[in-house]
């Protein structure tokens, strides 16, 4: 996960997330191709020195080579599947 200023990475945290993509049959208004739901631990982010909470516009990179980029659209700290985690909606690649 990265927090960026216009052209540079300001903060970076290498943490594990629980990610869910959507199958074509699950697409509906507000859910489009490339949208993902992520659950990330607040404590993992804090331990990695990442400023919490993550905010809209922060970038998340997936894959073995961190070559799949996605951008945070929304962070819901109150409606979460696991206590102490952020429920994040992202879009892109």
C-alpha atoms as a PDB file:
ATOM      1  CA  UNK A   1       0.000   0.000   0.000  1.00  0.00           C
ATOM      2  CA  UNK A   2       1.379   3.436  -0.834  1.00  0.00           C
ATOM      3  CA  UNK A   3       0.442   6.985   0.108  1.00  0.00           C
ATOM      4  CA  UNK A   4       1.515   9.366  -2.623  1.00  0.00           C
ATOM      5  CA  UNK A   5       1.948  13.036  -3.178  1.00  0.00           C
ATOM      6  CA  UNK A   6       1.326  14.026  -6.813  1.00  0.00           C
ATOM      7  CA  UNK A   7       4.307  12.170  -8.325  1.00  0.00           C
ATOM      8  CA  UNK A   8       6.169  10.441  -5.492  1.00  0.00           C
ATOM      9  CA  UNK A   9       5.591   7.704  -2.932  1.00  0.00           C
ATOM     10  CA  UNK A  10       5.394   9.283   0.519  1.00  0.00           C
ATOM     11  CA  UNK A  11       4.820   6.085   2.550  1.00  0.00           C
ATOM     12  CA  UNK A  12       4.882   2.372   1.839  1.00  0.00           C
ATOM     13  CA  UNK A  13       3.726  -0.682   3.811  1.00  0.00           C
ATOM     14  CA  UNK A  14       4.148  -4.306   2.746  1.00  0.00           C
ATOM     15  CA  UNK A  15       1.203  -6.030   4.435  1.00  0.00           C
ATOM     16  CA  UNK A  16      -1.111  -8.933   3.729  1.00  0.00           C
ATOM     17  CA  UNK A  17      -4.742  -8.288   2.818  1.00  0.00           C
ATOM     18  CA  UNK A  18      -7.810 -10.404   2.250  1.00  0.00           C
ATOM     19  CA  UNK A  19      -8.936  -9.555  -1.298  1.00  0.00           C
ATOM     20  CA  UNK A  20     -12.143 -10.356  -3.146  1.00  0.00           C
ATOM     21  CA  UNK A  21     -12.749  -9.632  -6.805  1.00  0.00           C
ATOM     22  CA  UNK A  22     -16.135  -9.900  -8.428  1.00  0.00           C
ATOM     23  CA  UNK A  23     -17.250 -12.517 -10.947  1.00  0.00           C
ATOM     24  CA  UNK A  24     -19.109 -11.284 -14.059  1.00  0.00           C
ATOM     25  CA  UNK A  25     -22.413 -12.463 -12.576  1.00  0.00           C
ATOM     26  CA  UNK A  26     -21.886 -10.286  -9.493  1.00  0.00           C
ATOM     27  CA  UNK A  27     -21.471  -7.025 -11.430  1.00  0.00           C
ATOM     28  CA  UNK A  28     -24.250  -4.559 -10.659  1.00  0.00           C
ATOM     29  CA  UNK A  29     -24.684  -0.791 -10.521  1.00  0.00           C
ATOM     30  CA  UNK A  30     -21.730   0.548  -8.540  1.00  0.00           C
ATOM     31  CA  UNK A  31     -19.707  -2.645  -9.056  1.00  0.00           C
ATOM     32  CA  UNK A  32     -17.708  -2.733 -12.259  1.00  0.00           C
ATOM     33  CA  UNK A  33     -14.846  -4.756 -13.694  1.00  0.00           C
ATOM     34  CA  UNK A  34     -11.682  -4.072 -11.680  1.00  0.00           C
ATOM     35  CA  UNK A  35     -13.476  -3.320  -8.393  1.00  0.00           C
ATOM     36  CA  UNK A  36     -12.091  -5.219  -5.399  1.00  0.00           C
ATOM     37  CA  UNK A  37     -13.016  -5.436  -1.721  1.00  0.00           C
ATOM     38  CA  UNK A  38     -10.018  -5.616   0.633  1.00  0.00           C
ATOM     39  CA  UNK A  39      -9.710  -6.188   4.340  1.00  0.00           C
ATOM     40  CA  UNK A  40      -6.471  -4.963   5.896  1.00  0.00           C
ATOM     41  CA  UNK A  41      -5.377  -4.945   9.532  1.00  0.00           C
ATOM     42  CA  UNK A  42      -5.004  -1.540  11.160  1.00  0.00           C
ATOM     43  CA  UNK A  43      -2.271  -2.967  13.414  1.00  0.00           C
ATOM     44  CA  UNK A  44      -0.299  -4.305  10.431  1.00  0.00           C
ATOM     45  CA  UNK A  45      -0.394  -0.859   8.813  1.00  0.00           C
ATOM     46  CA  UNK A  46       0.661   0.862  12.054  1.00  0.00           C
ATOM     47  CA  UNK A  47       3.486  -1.646  12.635  1.00  0.00           C
ATOM     48  CA  UNK A  48       4.752  -0.956   9.101  1.00  0.00           C
ATOM     49  CA  UNK A  49       4.740   2.810   9.818  1.00  0.00           C
ATOM     50  CA  UNK A  50       1.884   3.574   7.399  1.00  0.00           C
ATOM     51  CA  UNK A  51      -0.286   6.540   8.429  1.00  0.00           C
ATOM     52  CA  UNK A  52      -3.756   5.299   9.284  1.00  0.00           C
ATOM     53  CA  UNK A  53      -6.421   5.323   8.163  1.00  0.00           C
ATOM     54  CA  UNK A  54      -5.756   4.732   4.463  1.00  0.00           C
ATOM     55  CA  UNK A  55      -7.657   7.289   2.406  1.00  0.00           C
ATOM     56  CA  UNK A  56      -9.292   7.614  -0.983  1.00  0.00           C
ATOM     57  CA  UNK A  57      -6.588   7.953  -3.619  1.00  0.00           C
ATOM     58  CA  UNK A  58      -3.974   5.791  -1.867  1.00  0.00           C
ATOM     59  CA  UNK A  59      -2.610   3.070  -4.164  1.00  0.00           C
ATOM     60  CA  UNK A  60      -2.386  -0.668  -3.559  1.00  0.00           C
ATOM     61  CA  UNK A  61      -0.140  -2.928  -5.636  1.00  0.00           C
ATOM     62  CA  UNK A  62      -0.775  -6.681  -5.992  1.00  0.00           C
ATOM     63  CA  UNK A  63       1.048  -9.591  -7.517  1.00  0.00           C
ATOM     64  CA  UNK A  64       4.403 -11.266  -7.094  1.00  0.00           C
ATOM     65  CA  UNK A  65       6.116  -8.307  -8.785  1.00  0.00           C
ATOM     66  CA  UNK A  66       3.677  -5.688  -7.438  1.00  0.00           C
ATOM     67  CA  UNK A  67       2.648  -5.037 -11.028  1.00  0.00           C
ATOM     68  CA  UNK A  68      -1.143  -4.827 -10.578  1.00  0.00           C
ATOM     69  CA  UNK A  69      -2.107  -1.342  -9.398  1.00  0.00           C
ATOM     70  CA  UNK A  70      -5.428  -0.388  -7.856  1.00  0.00           C
ATOM     71  CA  UNK A  71      -6.616   2.855  -6.226  1.00  0.00           C
ATOM     72  CA  UNK A  72      -8.650   3.190  -3.029  1.00  0.00           C
ATOM     73  CA  UNK A  73     -12.168   4.479  -3.718  1.00  0.00           C
ATOM     74  CA  UNK A  74     -13.550   4.170  -0.182  1.00  0.00           C
ATOM     75  CA  UNK A  75     -12.478   3.095   3.303  1.00  0.00           C
ATOM     76  CA  UNK A  76     -15.082   1.956   5.812  1.00  0.00           C
ATOM     77  CA  UNK A  77     -13.612   1.616   9.298  1.00  0.00           C
ATOM     78  CA  UNK A  78     -17.030   0.990  10.896  1.00  0.00           C
ATOM     79  CA  UNK A  79     -18.523  -1.721   8.657  1.00  0.00           C
ATOM     80  CA  UNK A  80     -15.876  -4.398   8.692  1.00  0.00           C
ATOM     81  CA  UNK A  81     -15.832  -8.146   8.589  1.00  0.00           C
ATOM     82  CA  UNK A  82     -13.074  -8.380  11.195  1.00  0.00           C
ATOM     83  CA  UNK A  83     -12.559  -6.223  14.286  1.00  0.00           C
ATOM     84  CA  UNK A  84      -9.529  -3.916  14.007  1.00  0.00           C
ATOM     85  CA  UNK A  85      -9.506  -3.959  10.212  1.00  0.00           C
ATOM     86  CA  UNK A  86     -10.384  -1.573   7.422  1.00  0.00           C
ATOM     87  CA  UNK A  87     -12.897  -2.574   4.757  1.00  0.00           C
ATOM     88  CA  UNK A  88     -11.538  -0.993   1.564  1.00  0.00           C
ATOM     89  CA  UNK A  89     -13.069  -0.694  -1.908  1.00  0.00           C
ATOM     90  CA  UNK A  90     -10.597  -0.239  -4.772  1.00  0.00           C
ATOM     91  CA  UNK A  91     -10.747   0.039  -8.543  1.00  0.00           C
ATOM     92  CA  UNK A  92      -8.309  -0.283 -11.408  1.00  0.00           C
ATOM     93  CA  UNK A  93      -6.453  -2.997 -13.335  1.00  0.00           C
END
